[in-house]
PDB file of N, CA and C in Angstrom:
ATOM      1  N   MET A   1     -17.861  23.090  11.245  1.00  0.00           N
ATOM      2  CA  MET A   1     -16.727  21.950  11.370  1.00  0.00           C
ATOM      3  C   MET A   1     -15.558  22.760  12.034  1.00  0.00           C
ATOM      4  N   SER A   2     -15.169  22.016  13.076  1.00  0.00           N
ATOM      5  CA  SER A   2     -13.741  22.553  13.533  1.00  0.00           C
ATOM      6  C   SER A   2     -12.666  21.883  12.604  1.00  0.00           C
ATOM      7  N   GLY A   3     -11.642  22.495  13.052  1.00  0.00           N
ATOM      8  CA  GLY A   3     -10.042  21.867  12.027  1.00  0.00           C
ATOM      9  C   GLY A   3     -10.222  20.300  12.434  1.00  0.00           C
ATOM     10  N   ASP A   4     -10.583  19.508  13.763  1.00  0.00           N
ATOM     11  CA  ASP A   4     -10.257  18.426  13.815  1.00  0.00           C
ATOM     12  C   ASP A   4     -11.160  17.598  13.170  1.00  0.00           C
ATOM     13  N   ALA A   5     -12.541  18.157  12.757  1.00  0.00           N
ATOM     14  CA  ALA A   5     -13.376  17.465  12.232  1.00  0.00           C
ATOM     15  C   ALA A   5     -13.356  16.567  10.710  1.00  0.00           C
ATOM     16  N   LYS A   6     -12.205  15.967  10.896  1.00  0.00           N
ATOM     17  CA  LYS A   6     -11.763  15.052   9.680  1.00  0.00           C
ATOM     18  C   LYS A   6     -10.675  14.028  10.166  1.00  0.00           C
ATOM     19  N   ILE A   7     -10.316  13.344   9.079  1.00  0.00           N
ATOM     20  CA  ILE A   7      -9.437  12.496   9.074  1.00  0.00           C
ATOM     21  C   ILE A   7      -8.440  12.626   8.016  1.00  0.00           C
ATOM     22  N   GLU A   8      -7.165  12.108   8.250  1.00  0.00           N
ATOM     23  CA  GLU A   8      -6.422  11.857   7.016  1.00  0.00           C
ATOM     24  C   GLU A   8      -6.159  10.324   6.414  1.00  0.00           C
ATOM     25  N   LEU A   9      -6.357  10.433   5.181  1.00  0.00           N
ATOM     26  CA  LEU A   9      -6.596   9.353   4.136  1.00  0.00           C
ATOM     27  C   LEU A   9      -5.432   8.766   3.933  1.00  0.00           C
ATOM     28  N   LEU A  10      -4.577   8.238   3.725  1.00  0.00           N
ATOM     29  CA  LEU A  10      -3.494   7.793   2.969  1.00  0.00           C
ATOM     30  C   LEU A  10      -3.588   6.327   2.108  1.00  0.00           C
ATOM     31  N   TYR A  11      -3.421   6.535   0.751  1.00  0.00           N
ATOM     32  CA  TYR A  11      -3.671   5.453  -0.049  1.00  0.00           C
ATOM     33  C   TYR A  11      -2.291   5.003  -0.591  1.00  0.00           C
ATOM     34  N   PHE A  12      -2.206   3.602  -0.784  1.00  0.00           N
ATOM     35  CA  PHE A  12      -1.192   2.853  -0.809  1.00  0.00           C
ATOM     36  C   PHE A  12      -1.365   2.179  -2.209  1.00  0.00           C
ATOM     37  N   ALA A  13       0.093   1.946  -2.911  1.00  0.00           N
ATOM     38  CA  ALA A  13      -0.005   1.196  -4.223  1.00  0.00           C
ATOM     39  C   ALA A  13      -1.438   1.185  -5.098  1.00  0.00           C
ATOM     40  N   ARG A  14      -1.989   0.263  -5.185  1.00  0.00           N
ATOM     41  CA  ARG A  14      -3.085   0.164  -6.358  1.00  0.00           C
ATOM     42  C   ARG A  14      -4.205   1.001  -5.995  1.00  0.00           C
ATOM     43  N   VAL A  15      -4.328   1.097  -4.264  1.00  0.00           N
ATOM     44  CA  VAL A  15      -5.356   1.990  -4.246  1.00  0.00           C
ATOM     45  C   VAL A  15      -5.268   3.681  -4.710  1.00  0.00           C
ATOM     46  N   ALA A  16      -3.915   3.783  -4.343  1.00  0.00           N
ATOM     47  CA  ALA A  16      -3.456   5.541  -4.854  1.00  0.00           C
ATOM     48  C   ALA A  16      -3.532   5.460  -6.290  1.00  0.00           C
ATOM     49  N   GLU A  17      -3.360   4.225  -7.170  1.00  0.00           N
ATOM     50  CA  GLU A  17      -3.357   4.117  -8.720  1.00  0.00           C
ATOM     51  C   GLU A  17      -4.655   4.220  -8.815  1.00  0.00           C
ATOM     52  N   LEU A  18      -5.717   3.810  -8.422  1.00  0.00           N
ATOM     53  CA  LEU A  18      -6.984   3.693  -8.850  1.00  0.00           C
ATOM     54  C   LEU A  18      -8.086   5.100  -8.083  1.00  0.00           C
ATOM     55  N   THR A  19      -7.479   5.840  -7.161  1.00  0.00           N
ATOM     56  CA  THR A  19      -7.769   6.846  -6.552  1.00  0.00           C
ATOM     57  C   THR A  19      -7.363   8.467  -7.544  1.00  0.00           C
ATOM     58  N   GLY A  20      -5.989   8.060  -7.998  1.00  0.00           N
ATOM     59  CA  GLY A  20      -5.154   9.045  -8.583  1.00  0.00           C
ATOM     60  C   GLY A  20      -4.740   9.985  -7.661  1.00  0.00           C
ATOM     61  N   LYS A  21      -4.555   9.619  -6.490  1.00  0.00           N
ATOM     62  CA  LYS A  21      -3.879  10.582  -5.327  1.00  0.00           C
ATOM     63  C   LYS A  21      -2.961   9.466  -3.955  1.00  0.00           C
ATOM     64  N   ARG A  22      -2.194  10.141  -3.877  1.00  0.00           N
ATOM     65  CA  ARG A  22      -1.821   9.525  -2.380  1.00  0.00           C
ATOM     66  C   ARG A  22      -2.415   9.380  -1.089  1.00  0.00           C
ATOM     67  N   GLY A  23      -3.390  10.535  -1.104  1.00  0.00           N
ATOM     68  CA  GLY A  23      -4.065  10.626   0.230  1.00  0.00           C
ATOM     69  C   GLY A  23      -4.910  12.236  -0.023  1.00  0.00           C
ATOM     70  N   GLU A  24      -5.775  12.215   1.263  1.00  0.00           N
ATOM     71  CA  GLU A  24      -6.483  13.169   1.180  1.00  0.00           C
ATOM     72  C   GLU A  24      -6.958  13.418   2.567  1.00  0.00           C
ATOM     73  N   SER A  25      -7.418  14.697   2.752  1.00  0.00           N
ATOM     74  CA  SER A  25      -8.509  14.813   3.902  1.00  0.00           C
ATOM     75  C   SER A  25      -9.891  14.483   3.697  1.00  0.00           C
ATOM     76  N   TRP A  26     -10.358  13.866   4.814  1.00  0.00           N
ATOM     77  CA  TRP A  26     -11.795  13.558   4.563  1.00  0.00           C
ATOM     78  C   TRP A  26     -12.369  14.053   5.567  1.00  0.00           C
ATOM     79  N   PRO A  27     -13.955  14.612   5.339  1.00  0.00           N
ATOM     80  CA  PRO A  27     -14.396  15.082   6.500  1.00  0.00           C
ATOM     81  C   PRO A  27     -15.003  14.238   7.366  1.00  0.00           C
ATOM     82  N   LEU A  28     -14.899  14.407   8.818  1.00  0.00           N
ATOM     83  CA  LEU A  28     -15.627  13.240   9.593  1.00  0.00           C
ATOM     84  C   LEU A  28     -16.080  13.918  11.189  1.00  0.00           C
ATOM     85  N   ALA A  29     -17.351  14.472  11.017  1.00  0.00           N
ATOM     86  CA  ALA A  29     -17.549  15.023  12.141  1.00  0.00           C
ATOM     87  C   ALA A  29     -17.770  14.591  13.691  1.00  0.00           C
ATOM     88  N   GLN A  30     -18.192  13.144  13.608  1.00  0.00           N
ATOM     89  CA  GLN A  30     -18.308  12.115  14.345  1.00  0.00           C
ATOM     90  C   GLN A  30     -17.916  10.467  14.128  1.00  0.00           C
ATOM     91  N   ALA A  31     -17.536   9.951  14.757  1.00  0.00           N
ATOM     92  CA  ALA A  31     -17.005   8.557  14.957  1.00  0.00           C
ATOM     93  C   ALA A  31     -17.870   7.646  13.919  1.00  0.00           C
ATOM     94  N   GLN A  32     -16.859   6.911  13.234  1.00  0.00           N
ATOM     95  CA  GLN A  32     -17.503   6.036  11.864  1.00  0.00           C
ATOM     96  C   GLN A  32     -16.848   4.754  11.769  1.00  0.00           C
ATOM     97  N   ARG A  33     -17.787   4.112  11.488  1.00  0.00           N
ATOM     98  CA  ARG A  33     -16.898   2.206  11.528  1.00  0.00           C
ATOM     99  C   ARG A  33     -15.901   2.417  10.185  1.00  0.00           C
ATOM    100  N   GLY A  34     -15.086   1.702  10.337  1.00  0.00           N
ATOM    101  CA  GLY A  34     -14.372   1.576   8.965  1.00  0.00           C
ATOM    102  C   GLY A  34     -15.160   0.828   7.824  1.00  0.00           C
ATOM    103  N   ASP A  35     -16.079   0.051   7.913  1.00  0.00           N
ATOM    104  CA  ASP A  35     -16.714  -0.303   6.884  1.00  0.00           C
ATOM    105  C   ASP A  35     -17.552   0.564   6.222  1.00  0.00           C
ATOM    106  N   THR A  36     -17.907   1.646   6.965  1.00  0.00           N
ATOM    107  CA  THR A  36     -18.958   2.518   6.414  1.00  0.00           C
ATOM    108  C   THR A  36     -17.773   3.655   5.655  1.00  0.00           C
ATOM    109  N   LEU A  37     -16.789   3.660   5.950  1.00  0.00           N
ATOM    110  CA  LEU A  37     -15.998   4.614   5.277  1.00  0.00           C
ATOM    111  C   LEU A  37     -15.192   3.986   4.027  1.00  0.00           C
ATOM    112  N   LEU A  38     -15.533   2.562   4.002  1.00  0.00           N
ATOM    113  CA  LEU A  38     -15.139   1.991   2.631  1.00  0.00           C
ATOM    114  C   LEU A  38     -15.873   1.947   1.803  1.00  0.00           C
ATOM    115  N   ALA A  39     -17.439   1.982   2.144  1.00  0.00           N
ATOM    116  CA  ALA A  39     -18.275   2.149   1.244  1.00  0.00           C
ATOM    117  C   ALA A  39     -18.205   3.438   0.931  1.00  0.00           C
ATOM    118  N   GLU A  40     -18.235   4.441   1.664  1.00  0.00           N
ATOM    119  CA  GLU A  40     -17.986   5.708   0.809  1.00  0.00           C
ATOM    120  C   GLU A  40     -17.126   6.349   0.289  1.00  0.00           C
ATOM    121  N   LEU A  41     -15.998   5.340   0.429  1.00  0.00           N
ATOM    122  CA  LEU A  41     -15.114   5.590  -0.679  1.00  0.00           C
ATOM    123  C   LEU A  41     -15.289   5.057  -2.244  1.00  0.00           C
ATOM    124  N   GLU A  42     -15.751   3.813  -2.229  1.00  0.00           N
ATOM    125  CA  GLU A  42     -16.367   3.113  -3.199  1.00  0.00           C
ATOM    126  C   GLU A  42     -17.409   3.697  -4.062  1.00  0.00           C
ATOM    127  N   ALA A  43     -18.161   4.687  -3.049  1.00  0.00           N
ATOM    128  CA  ALA A  43     -18.907   5.463  -3.710  1.00  0.00           C
ATOM    129  C   ALA A  43     -18.264   6.493  -4.356  1.00  0.00           C
ATOM    130  N   ARG A  44     -17.123   7.079  -3.738  1.00  0.00           N
ATOM    131  CA  ARG A  44     -16.575   8.285  -4.037  1.00  0.00           C
ATOM    132  C   ARG A  44     -15.577   8.002  -5.602  1.00  0.00           C
ATOM    133  N   TYR A  45     -15.055   6.749  -5.458  1.00  0.00           N
ATOM    134  CA  TYR A  45     -13.926   6.362  -6.308  1.00  0.00           C
ATOM    135  C   TYR A  45     -14.682   4.528  -6.918  1.00  0.00           C
ATOM    136  N   PRO A  46     -15.391   4.756  -7.568  1.00  0.00           N
ATOM    137  CA  PRO A  46     -15.977   3.126  -8.030  1.00  0.00           C
ATOM    138  C   PRO A  46     -15.117   2.342  -8.551  1.00  0.00           C
ATOM    139  N   LYS A  47     -14.015   2.838  -9.158  1.00  0.00           N
ATOM    140  CA  LYS A  47     -12.850   1.595  -9.624  1.00  0.00           C
ATOM    141  C   LYS A  47     -12.516   0.980  -8.440  1.00  0.00           C
ATOM    142  N   LEU A  48     -12.698   1.422  -6.959  1.00  0.00           N
ATOM    143  CA  LEU A  48     -12.165   0.819  -5.758  1.00  0.00           C
ATOM    144  C   LEU A  48     -13.084  -0.457  -5.561  1.00  0.00           C
ATOM    145  N   ALA A  49     -14.271  -0.536  -6.242  1.00  0.00           N
ATOM    146  CA  ALA A  49     -15.178  -1.786  -5.827  1.00  0.00           C
ATOM    147  C   ALA A  49     -14.713  -3.076  -6.213  1.00  0.00           C
ATOM    148  N   PRO A  50     -14.691  -3.909  -5.231  1.00  0.00           N
ATOM    149  CA  PRO A  50     -15.363  -3.793  -4.288  1.00  0.00           C
ATOM    150  C   PRO A  50     -14.501  -3.212  -2.778  1.00  0.00           C
ATOM    151  N   ALA A  51     -14.710  -2.381  -2.496  1.00  0.00           N
ATOM    152  CA  ALA A  51     -14.180  -1.625  -1.551  1.00  0.00           C
ATOM    153  C   ALA A  51     -13.949  -2.374  -0.030  1.00  0.00           C
ATOM    154  N   ALA A  52     -14.908  -3.263   0.023  1.00  0.00           N
ATOM    155  CA  ALA A  52     -14.959  -4.021   1.397  1.00  0.00           C
ATOM    156  C   ALA A  52     -13.829  -5.225   1.601  1.00  0.00           C
ATOM    157  N   ARG A  53     -13.152  -5.378   0.388  1.00  0.00           N
ATOM    158  CA  ARG A  53     -11.788  -6.313   0.349  1.00  0.00           C
ATOM    159  C   ARG A  53     -10.793  -5.493   0.802  1.00  0.00           C
ATOM    160  N   LEU A  54     -10.811  -4.208   0.922  1.00  0.00           N
ATOM    161  CA  LEU A  54      -9.552  -3.469   1.150  1.00  0.00           C
ATOM    162  C   LEU A  54      -9.397  -3.868   2.677  1.00  0.00           C
ATOM    163  N   LYS A  55      -7.794  -3.251   3.099  1.00  0.00           N
ATOM    164  CA  LYS A  55      -7.320  -3.310   4.653  1.00  0.00           C
ATOM    165  C   LYS A  55      -7.478  -1.801   5.160  1.00  0.00           C
ATOM    166  N   LEU A  56      -7.508  -1.322   6.495  1.00  0.00           N
ATOM    167  CA  LEU A  56      -7.078  -0.492   6.949  1.00  0.00           C
ATOM    168  C   LEU A  56      -6.090  -0.385   8.271  1.00  0.00           C
ATOM    169  N   ALA A  57      -5.577   0.467   8.311  1.00  0.00           N
ATOM    170  CA  ALA A  57      -4.628   0.903   9.309  1.00  0.00           C
ATOM    171  C   ALA A  57      -5.065   2.306   9.982  1.00  0.00           C
ATOM    172  N   VAL A  58      -5.442   2.067  11.439  1.00  0.00           N
ATOM    173  CA  VAL A  58      -5.731   3.292  11.936  1.00  0.00           C
ATOM    174  C   VAL A  58      -4.515   4.031  12.725  1.00  0.00           C
ATOM    175  N   ASN A  59      -4.221   4.914  12.692  1.00  0.00           N
ATOM    176  CA  ASN A  59      -3.084   5.605  13.749  1.00  0.00           C
ATOM    177  C   ASN A  59      -1.834   4.677  13.732  1.00  0.00           C
ATOM    178  N   GLN A  60      -1.502   3.860  12.280  1.00  0.00           N
ATOM    179  CA  GLN A  60      -0.474   3.012  11.954  1.00  0.00           C
ATOM    180  C   GLN A  60      -0.623   1.572  12.696  1.00  0.00           C
ATOM    181  N   LEU A  61      -1.967   1.043  12.896  1.00  0.00           N
ATOM    182  CA  LEU A  61      -2.075   0.098  13.802  1.00  0.00           C
ATOM    183  C   LEU A  61      -3.175  -0.612  12.625  1.00  0.00           C
ATOM    184  N   HIS A  62      -2.748  -1.954  12.200  1.00  0.00           N
ATOM    185  CA  HIS A  62      -3.758  -3.011  11.266  1.00  0.00           C
ATOM    186  C   HIS A  62      -5.387  -2.545  12.060  1.00  0.00           C
ATOM    187  N   ALA A  63      -6.441  -2.660  11.654  1.00  0.00           N
ATOM    188  CA  ALA A  63      -7.426  -2.395  12.120  1.00  0.00           C
ATOM    189  C   ALA A  63      -8.615  -3.422  11.536  1.00  0.00           C
ATOM    190  N   LYS A  64      -9.767  -3.748  12.156  1.00  0.00           N
ATOM    191  CA  LYS A  64     -10.846  -4.168  11.345  1.00  0.00           C
ATOM    192  C   LYS A  64     -11.788  -3.446  10.881  1.00  0.00           C
ATOM    193  N   PRO A  65     -12.582  -3.854  10.149  1.00  0.00           N
ATOM    194  CA  PRO A  65     -13.602  -3.075   9.427  1.00  0.00           C
ATOM    195  C   PRO A  65     -14.559  -2.289  10.425  1.00  0.00           C
ATOM    196  N   THR A  66     -14.903  -3.027  11.368  1.00  0.00           N
ATOM    197  CA  THR A  66     -15.592  -2.502  12.497  1.00  0.00           C
ATOM    198  C   THR A  66     -15.212  -1.822  13.594  1.00  0.00           C
ATOM    199  N   ILE A  67     -13.560  -0.959  13.161  1.00  0.00           N
ATOM    200  CA  ILE A  67     -13.379  -0.356  13.965  1.00  0.00           C
ATOM    201  C   ILE A  67     -14.026   0.838  14.171  1.00  0.00           C
ATOM    202  N   LEU A  68     -13.911   1.635  15.132  1.00  0.00           N
ATOM    203  CA  LEU A  68     -14.713   2.985  14.903  1.00  0.00           C
ATOM    204  C   LEU A  68     -13.545   4.108  15.072  1.00  0.00           C
ATOM    205  N   ILE A  69     -13.570   5.032  13.937  1.00  0.00           N
ATOM    206  CA  ILE A  69     -12.714   6.035  13.279  1.00  0.00           C
ATOM    207  C   ILE A  69     -13.215   7.239  13.750  1.00  0.00           C
ATOM    208  N   GLN A  70     -12.340   7.851  14.714  1.00  0.00           N
ATOM    209  CA  GLN A  70     -12.500   9.159  14.844  1.00  0.00           C
ATOM    210  C   GLN A  70     -12.350  10.483  14.458  1.00  0.00           C
ATOM    211  N   PRO A  71     -12.815  11.201  14.617  1.00  0.00           N
ATOM    212  CA  PRO A  71     -11.959  12.591  13.917  1.00  0.00           C
ATOM    213  C   PRO A  71     -10.381  12.988  14.464  1.00  0.00           C
ATOM    214  N   GLY A  72      -9.910  13.315  13.614  1.00  0.00           N
ATOM    215  CA  GLY A  72      -8.359  13.405  13.621  1.00  0.00           C
ATOM    216  C   GLY A  72      -7.390  12.339  13.459  1.00  0.00           C
ATOM    217  N   ASP A  73      -8.147  11.146  13.307  1.00  0.00           N
ATOM    218  CA  ASP A  73      -7.281   9.816  13.093  1.00  0.00           C
ATOM    219  C   ASP A  73      -6.669   9.508  11.598  1.00  0.00           C
ATOM    220  N   GLU A  74      -5.573   9.065  11.407  1.00  0.00           N
ATOM    221  CA  GLU A  74      -5.037   9.118  10.229  1.00  0.00           C
ATOM    222  C   GLU A  74      -5.294   7.640   9.843  1.00  0.00           C
ATOM    223  N   VAL A  75      -5.676   7.485   8.478  1.00  0.00           N
ATOM    224  CA  VAL A  75      -5.955   6.065   8.091  1.00  0.00           C
ATOM    225  C   VAL A  75      -5.831   5.869   7.003  1.00  0.00           C
ATOM    226  N   ALA A  76      -4.943   4.587   6.833  1.00  0.00           N
ATOM    227  CA  ALA A  76      -4.366   4.082   5.562  1.00  0.00           C
ATOM    228  C   ALA A  76      -5.183   3.049   5.101  1.00  0.00           C
ATOM    229  N   VAL A  77      -5.259   3.086   3.708  1.00  0.00           N
ATOM    230  CA  VAL A  77      -6.373   2.345   3.144  1.00  0.00           C
ATOM    231  C   VAL A  77      -5.074   1.323   2.004  1.00  0.00           C
ATOM    232  N   PHE A  78      -5.473   0.387   1.997  1.00  0.00           N
ATOM    233  CA  PHE A  78      -4.418  -0.670   1.060  1.00  0.00           C
ATOM    234  C   PHE A  78      -5.107  -2.217   0.899  1.00  0.00           C
ATOM    235  N   GLU A  79      -4.454  -2.492  -0.307  1.00  0.00           N
ATOM    236  CA  GLU A  79      -5.261  -3.641  -0.832  1.00  0.00           C
ATOM    237  C   GLU A  79      -4.602  -4.722  -0.017  1.00  0.00           C
ATOM    238  N   PRO A  80      -5.456  -5.853   0.339  1.00  0.00           N
ATOM    239  CA  PRO A  80      -4.952  -7.149   0.997  1.00  0.00           C
ATOM    240  C   PRO A  80      -3.592  -7.773   0.554  1.00  0.00           C
ATOM    241  N   VAL A  81      -2.721  -8.171   1.204  1.00  0.00           N
ATOM    242  CA  VAL A  81      -1.507  -8.601   0.426  1.00  0.00           C
ATOM    243  C   VAL A  81      -1.334 -10.362   0.613  1.00  0.00           C
ATOM    244  N   THR A  82      -0.981 -11.151  -0.338  1.00  0.00           N
ATOM    245  CA  THR A  82      -1.016 -12.322  -0.127  1.00  0.00           C
ATOM    246  C   THR A  82       0.357 -12.809  -0.286  1.00  0.00           C
ATOM    247  N   GLY A  83       0.620 -13.894   0.163  1.00  0.00           N
ATOM    248  CA  GLY A  83       2.063 -14.675   0.013  1.00  0.00           C
ATOM    249  C   GLY A  83       2.034 -16.052  -0.242  1.00  0.00           C
ATOM    250  N   GLY A  84       2.974 -16.372  -0.691  1.00  0.00           N
ATOM    251  CA  GLY A  84       2.947 -17.795  -1.717  1.00  0.00           C
ATOM    252  C   GLY A  84       3.848 -18.892  -0.631  1.00  0.00           C
TER     253      GLY A  84
END
């Protein structure tokens, strides 16, 4: 695997609490959909369930779960925010 065959994950707020970390490097050899990544995160960190509710930002832009994440991307994972 080359040095770029990974993504940088950033965890915010409750997601950071549930994973016990603020971020990590994640192996990614080829493009992958965001919803697939969320399912893998839930498998690694069961406390995130249901991970499908989580939101993504890829390279600092909000993204839908259908986005194709590429090796080398930065992916932020965070809880949905509600307002009153």
